[in-house]
Amino acid sequence: MANIYKNEKTSLTTTDLTTLYTVPSNSRAIVKSLNVAEDAGSTAVVKVTLVDAAAASFVVDNDVNLTANQKEQVLSEPLIMKESEILKVQASSGNVDVIASVLEINREDR
């Protein structure tokens, strides 16, 4: 088993639902932190969704309110993700940066 520490990041510039991280099919993952920051001097509401391997969606948080230039830690505890699950984010307005700190546990020793 290999442990791979990584960060996944995106800059939300539209209001589209955006994939932040997908767990590889040979791994599981622990999302230690999920930071969101408004960087345009405006306001935004961020929604975080977990999509399982069967394409069912589950809301992690749908009301992360950000004022101008504010940052927020979305998770209060680590989030465990299974094979092929997807973490998605969406903002009510553009210009929100999102960073997830992830420990990926690969079962193939690479």
N, C-alpha and C. Protein backbone atom coordinates (compact mmCIF):
# COMPACT_ATOMS: atom_id res chain seq x y z
N MET A 1 0.84 -1.19 0.00
CA MET A 1 0.00 0.00 0.00
C MET A 1 0.87 1.24 0.00
N ALA A 2 0.54 2.17 -0.84
CA ALA A 2 1.26 3.43 -0.90
C ALA A 2 0.35 4.56 -0.42
N ASN A 3 0.91 5.42 0.41
CA ASN A 3 0.20 6.62 0.85
C ASN A 3 0.70 7.79 0.02
N ILE A 4 -0.22 8.50 -0.60
CA ILE A 4 0.13 9.62 -1.45
C ILE A 4 -0.54 10.87 -0.89
N TYR A 5 0.27 11.81 -0.42
CA TYR A 5 -0.24 13.08 0.09
C TYR A 5 -0.32 14.06 -1.07
N LYS A 6 -1.46 14.71 -1.23
CA LYS A 6 -1.62 15.63 -2.35
C LYS A 6 -2.60 16.73 -1.99
N ASN A 7 -2.60 17.76 -2.78
CA ASN A 7 -3.67 18.75 -2.68
C ASN A 7 -4.33 18.87 -4.04
N GLU A 8 -5.61 19.08 -3.99
CA GLU A 8 -6.39 19.27 -5.21
C GLU A 8 -6.97 20.67 -5.11
N LYS A 9 -6.88 21.41 -6.22
CA LYS A 9 -7.33 22.79 -6.16
C LYS A 9 -8.02 23.20 -7.45
N THR A 10 -8.92 24.16 -7.31
CA THR A 10 -9.59 24.73 -8.47
C THR A 10 -9.99 26.16 -8.15
N SER A 11 -10.13 26.95 -9.17
CA SER A 11 -10.64 28.31 -9.03
C SER A 11 -12.00 28.33 -9.73
N LEU A 12 -13.04 28.54 -8.94
CA LEU A 12 -14.40 28.56 -9.49
C LEU A 12 -14.65 29.93 -10.12
N THR A 13 -14.74 29.97 -11.43
CA THR A 13 -14.96 31.24 -12.13
C THR A 13 -16.35 31.30 -12.77
N THR A 14 -17.12 30.22 -12.62
CA THR A 14 -18.51 30.19 -13.08
C THR A 14 -19.36 29.61 -11.95
N THR A 15 -20.64 29.51 -12.18
CA THR A 15 -21.54 28.93 -11.18
C THR A 15 -21.79 27.45 -11.45
N ASP A 16 -21.02 26.85 -12.35
CA ASP A 16 -21.19 25.43 -12.69
C ASP A 16 -20.72 24.52 -11.56
N LEU A 17 -21.36 23.36 -11.43
CA LEU A 17 -20.89 22.32 -10.52
C LEU A 17 -19.59 21.79 -11.10
N THR A 18 -18.52 21.81 -10.29
CA THR A 18 -17.17 21.53 -10.77
C THR A 18 -16.55 20.38 -9.99
N THR A 19 -15.95 19.43 -10.69
CA THR A 19 -15.25 18.33 -10.04
C THR A 19 -13.94 18.83 -9.45
N LEU A 20 -13.75 18.61 -8.15
CA LEU A 20 -12.52 18.98 -7.47
C LEU A 20 -11.57 17.79 -7.39
N TYR A 21 -12.11 16.61 -7.05
CA TYR A 21 -11.26 15.43 -6.85
C TYR A 21 -12.06 14.17 -7.11
N THR A 22 -11.43 13.21 -7.79
CA THR A 22 -12.01 11.89 -8.01
C THR A 22 -11.05 10.85 -7.46
N VAL A 23 -11.54 9.97 -6.61
CA VAL A 23 -10.71 8.91 -6.06
C VAL A 23 -10.43 7.88 -7.16
N PRO A 24 -9.17 7.51 -7.37
CA PRO A 24 -8.88 6.47 -8.36
C PRO A 24 -9.58 5.15 -7.99
N SER A 25 -9.82 4.32 -8.98
CA SER A 25 -10.55 3.07 -8.75
C SER A 25 -9.76 2.07 -7.91
N ASN A 26 -8.45 2.28 -7.74
CA ASN A 26 -7.63 1.37 -6.94
C ASN A 26 -7.23 1.98 -5.60
N SER A 27 -7.98 2.99 -5.15
CA SER A 27 -7.59 3.71 -3.93
C SER A 27 -8.80 4.09 -3.10
N ARG A 28 -8.50 4.50 -1.89
CA ARG A 28 -9.44 5.20 -1.02
C ARG A 28 -8.76 6.50 -0.63
N ALA A 29 -9.51 7.43 -0.07
CA ALA A 29 -8.91 8.72 0.25
C ALA A 29 -9.49 9.29 1.54
N ILE A 30 -8.67 10.07 2.21
CA ILE A 30 -9.10 10.84 3.38
C ILE A 30 -8.88 12.31 3.04
N VAL A 31 -9.96 13.08 3.02
CA VAL A 31 -9.85 14.51 2.80
C VAL A 31 -9.72 15.14 4.18
N LYS A 32 -8.53 15.67 4.46
CA LYS A 32 -8.25 16.23 5.78
C LYS A 32 -8.83 17.63 5.94
N SER A 33 -8.72 18.43 4.89
CA SER A 33 -9.26 19.78 4.97
C SER A 33 -9.79 20.20 3.62
N LEU A 34 -10.72 21.14 3.66
CA LEU A 34 -11.32 21.69 2.45
C LEU A 34 -11.53 23.18 2.69
N ASN A 35 -10.63 23.98 2.11
CA ASN A 35 -10.67 25.43 2.29
C ASN A 35 -11.29 26.10 1.08
N VAL A 36 -12.15 27.07 1.33
CA VAL A 36 -12.72 27.89 0.27
C VAL A 36 -12.43 29.35 0.59
N ALA A 37 -12.16 30.14 -0.44
CA ALA A 37 -11.83 31.55 -0.23
C ALA A 37 -12.39 32.38 -1.38
N GLU A 38 -13.09 33.44 -1.04
CA GLU A 38 -13.60 34.38 -2.02
C GLU A 38 -12.47 35.37 -2.31
N ASP A 39 -12.15 35.59 -3.59
CA ASP A 39 -10.98 36.42 -3.89
C ASP A 39 -11.26 37.56 -4.87
N ALA A 40 -12.51 38.02 -4.94
CA ALA A 40 -12.84 39.10 -5.86
C ALA A 40 -13.49 40.30 -5.18
N GLY A 41 -13.51 40.29 -3.84
CA GLY A 41 -14.12 41.40 -3.13
C GLY A 41 -15.63 41.42 -3.21
N SER A 42 -16.24 40.26 -3.35
CA SER A 42 -17.68 40.14 -3.48
C SER A 42 -18.19 39.15 -2.42
N THR A 43 -19.34 38.57 -2.63
CA THR A 43 -19.86 37.53 -1.74
C THR A 43 -20.15 36.29 -2.56
N ALA A 44 -20.22 35.16 -1.88
CA ALA A 44 -20.53 33.90 -2.56
C ALA A 44 -21.06 32.90 -1.56
N VAL A 45 -21.86 31.97 -2.04
CA VAL A 45 -22.30 30.82 -1.26
C VAL A 45 -21.76 29.59 -1.97
N VAL A 46 -21.08 28.72 -1.22
CA VAL A 46 -20.45 27.54 -1.80
C VAL A 46 -21.19 26.29 -1.35
N LYS A 47 -21.36 25.35 -2.29
CA LYS A 47 -21.97 24.06 -2.01
C LYS A 47 -20.94 22.98 -2.31
N VAL A 48 -20.85 21.98 -1.42
CA VAL A 48 -19.92 20.86 -1.59
C VAL A 48 -20.74 19.58 -1.64
N THR A 49 -20.48 18.75 -2.66
CA THR A 49 -21.26 17.54 -2.88
C THR A 49 -20.32 16.34 -3.05
N LEU A 50 -20.72 15.21 -2.49
CA LEU A 50 -20.01 13.94 -2.67
C LEU A 50 -20.88 13.06 -3.56
N VAL A 51 -20.29 12.57 -4.65
CA VAL A 51 -21.01 11.69 -5.57
C VAL A 51 -20.39 10.30 -5.45
N ASP A 52 -21.22 9.30 -5.14
CA ASP A 52 -20.67 7.95 -4.98
C ASP A 52 -20.52 7.24 -6.32
N ALA A 53 -20.00 6.02 -6.29
CA ALA A 53 -19.73 5.27 -7.52
C ALA A 53 -20.99 4.93 -8.30
N ALA A 54 -22.14 4.95 -7.64
CA ALA A 54 -23.41 4.69 -8.32
C ALA A 54 -24.08 5.97 -8.82
N ALA A 55 -23.35 7.10 -8.75
CA ALA A 55 -23.81 8.41 -9.22
C ALA A 55 -24.87 9.06 -8.33
N ALA A 56 -25.00 8.59 -7.10
CA ALA A 56 -25.90 9.24 -6.14
C ALA A 56 -25.16 10.40 -5.49
N SER A 57 -25.83 11.56 -5.37
CA SER A 57 -25.22 12.75 -4.79
C SER A 57 -25.63 12.95 -3.34
N PHE A 58 -24.66 13.37 -2.53
CA PHE A 58 -24.88 13.64 -1.11
C PHE A 58 -24.27 14.99 -0.78
N VAL A 59 -25.04 15.85 -0.13
CA VAL A 59 -24.56 17.19 0.21
C VAL A 59 -23.66 17.10 1.44
N VAL A 60 -22.44 17.60 1.30
CA VAL A 60 -21.52 17.72 2.43
C VAL A 60 -21.82 19.02 3.17
N ASP A 61 -21.98 20.10 2.42
CA ASP A 61 -22.39 21.41 2.97
C ASP A 61 -22.96 22.21 1.82
N ASN A 62 -24.14 22.78 2.02
CA ASN A 62 -24.74 23.55 0.92
C ASN A 62 -24.92 25.02 1.26
N ASP A 63 -24.25 25.46 2.32
CA ASP A 63 -24.47 26.84 2.74
C ASP A 63 -23.20 27.43 3.36
N VAL A 64 -22.10 27.41 2.61
CA VAL A 64 -20.87 28.03 3.08
C VAL A 64 -20.90 29.47 2.58
N ASN A 65 -21.27 30.39 3.46
CA ASN A 65 -21.40 31.79 3.10
C ASN A 65 -20.07 32.51 3.23
N LEU A 66 -19.65 33.16 2.15
CA LEU A 66 -18.40 33.90 2.16
C LEU A 66 -18.68 35.38 1.88
N THR A 67 -18.13 36.23 2.71
CA THR A 67 -18.18 37.66 2.43
C THR A 67 -16.93 38.02 1.63
N ALA A 68 -16.77 39.26 1.27
CA ALA A 68 -15.65 39.71 0.45
C ALA A 68 -14.32 39.28 1.05
N ASN A 69 -13.53 38.56 0.25
CA ASN A 69 -12.17 38.14 0.62
C ASN A 69 -12.10 37.25 1.86
N GLN A 70 -13.18 36.60 2.20
CA GLN A 70 -13.23 35.71 3.36
C GLN A 70 -12.83 34.30 2.98
N LYS A 71 -12.22 33.58 3.93
CA LYS A 71 -11.91 32.17 3.74
C LYS A 71 -12.65 31.36 4.79
N GLU A 72 -12.88 30.10 4.49
CA GLU A 72 -13.63 29.24 5.41
C GLU A 72 -13.14 27.81 5.27
N GLN A 73 -13.04 27.12 6.40
CA GLN A 73 -12.72 25.69 6.43
C GLN A 73 -14.06 24.96 6.43
N VAL A 74 -14.34 24.19 5.40
CA VAL A 74 -15.63 23.54 5.24
C VAL A 74 -15.77 22.33 6.17
N LEU A 75 -14.73 21.52 6.28
CA LEU A 75 -14.80 20.28 7.06
C LEU A 75 -14.38 20.51 8.50
N SER A 76 -15.14 19.96 9.44
CA SER A 76 -14.73 19.98 10.84
C SER A 76 -14.05 18.67 11.24
N GLU A 77 -14.25 17.64 10.43
CA GLU A 77 -13.65 16.32 10.62
C GLU A 77 -13.21 15.79 9.26
N PRO A 78 -12.27 14.85 9.21
CA PRO A 78 -11.87 14.28 7.92
C PRO A 78 -13.05 13.61 7.22
N LEU A 79 -13.00 13.63 5.90
CA LEU A 79 -14.03 13.01 5.07
C LEU A 79 -13.41 11.80 4.38
N ILE A 80 -13.96 10.62 4.62
CA ILE A 80 -13.48 9.38 4.00
C ILE A 80 -14.18 9.20 2.66
N MET A 81 -13.40 8.92 1.63
CA MET A 81 -13.97 8.69 0.30
C MET A 81 -13.54 7.32 -0.21
N LYS A 82 -14.48 6.61 -0.83
CA LYS A 82 -14.21 5.28 -1.37
C LYS A 82 -13.84 5.35 -2.85
N GLU A 83 -13.52 4.21 -3.40
CA GLU A 83 -13.12 4.10 -4.80
C GLU A 83 -14.12 4.80 -5.72
N SER A 84 -13.60 5.58 -6.65
CA SER A 84 -14.36 6.25 -7.72
C SER A 84 -15.35 7.30 -7.24
N GLU A 85 -15.33 7.67 -5.97
CA GLU A 85 -16.20 8.75 -5.51
C GLU A 85 -15.63 10.10 -5.95
N ILE A 86 -16.52 11.08 -6.10
CA ILE A 86 -16.15 12.38 -6.64
C ILE A 86 -16.57 13.48 -5.67
N LEU A 87 -15.66 14.41 -5.42
CA LEU A 87 -15.95 15.59 -4.61
C LEU A 87 -16.16 16.76 -5.57
N LYS A 88 -17.34 17.39 -5.49
CA LYS A 88 -17.67 18.49 -6.39
C LYS A 88 -17.97 19.75 -5.59
N VAL A 89 -17.71 20.89 -6.20
CA VAL A 89 -17.96 22.18 -5.57
C VAL A 89 -18.67 23.10 -6.54
N GLN A 90 -19.43 24.04 -5.97
CA GLN A 90 -20.18 24.99 -6.78
C GLN A 90 -20.31 26.29 -5.99
N ALA A 91 -20.20 27.41 -6.66
CA ALA A 91 -20.34 28.71 -5.99
C ALA A 91 -21.44 29.52 -6.66
N SER A 92 -22.12 30.35 -5.88
CA SER A 92 -23.21 31.18 -6.41
C SER A 92 -22.70 32.31 -7.28
N SER A 93 -21.42 32.63 -7.15
CA SER A 93 -20.78 33.63 -8.02
C SER A 93 -19.36 33.18 -8.26
N GLY A 94 -18.75 33.70 -9.29
CA GLY A 94 -17.40 33.28 -9.63
C GLY A 94 -16.35 33.81 -8.66
N ASN A 95 -15.10 33.40 -8.88
CA ASN A 95 -13.95 33.87 -8.12
C ASN A 95 -13.89 33.33 -6.69
N VAL A 96 -14.06 32.03 -6.57
CA VAL A 96 -13.85 31.33 -5.30
C VAL A 96 -12.77 30.28 -5.53
N ASP A 97 -11.74 30.32 -4.71
CA ASP A 97 -10.67 29.31 -4.78
C ASP A 97 -10.97 28.20 -3.78
N VAL A 98 -10.70 26.96 -4.19
CA VAL A 98 -10.96 25.80 -3.35
C VAL A 98 -9.70 24.93 -3.31
N ILE A 99 -9.29 24.53 -2.10
CA ILE A 99 -8.13 23.65 -1.94
C ILE A 99 -8.49 22.54 -0.97
N ALA A 100 -8.28 21.30 -1.41
CA ALA A 100 -8.50 20.13 -0.55
C ALA A 100 -7.16 19.46 -0.28
N SER A 101 -6.90 19.13 0.98
CA SER A 101 -5.72 18.34 1.35
C SER A 101 -6.16 16.90 1.48
N VAL A 102 -5.52 16.01 0.71
CA VAL A 102 -5.99 14.63 0.56
C VAL A 102 -4.85 13.65 0.84
N LEU A 103 -5.18 12.58 1.57
CA LEU A 103 -4.31 11.42 1.69
C LEU A 103 -4.96 10.31 0.88
N GLU A 104 -4.28 9.93 -0.19
CA GLU A 104 -4.77 8.87 -1.07
C GLU A 104 -4.07 7.57 -0.69
N ILE A 105 -4.84 6.53 -0.44
CA ILE A 105 -4.28 5.24 -0.04
C ILE A 105 -4.46 4.27 -1.20
N ASN A 106 -3.36 3.99 -1.87
CA ASN A 106 -3.35 3.17 -3.08
C ASN A 106 -3.06 1.73 -2.72
N ARG A 107 -3.86 0.80 -3.21
CA ARG A 107 -3.70 -0.61 -2.86
C ARG A 107 -2.72 -1.34 -3.77
N GLU A 108 -2.10 -0.65 -4.72
CA GLU A 108 -1.23 -1.33 -5.66
C GLU A 108 0.25 -1.01 -5.45
N ASP A 109 0.58 -0.44 -4.31
CA ASP A 109 1.99 -0.16 -3.96
C ASP A 109 2.72 0.67 -4.99
N ARG A 110 2.10 1.75 -5.44
CA ARG A 110 2.82 2.65 -6.34
C ARG A 110 2.57 4.08 -5.99
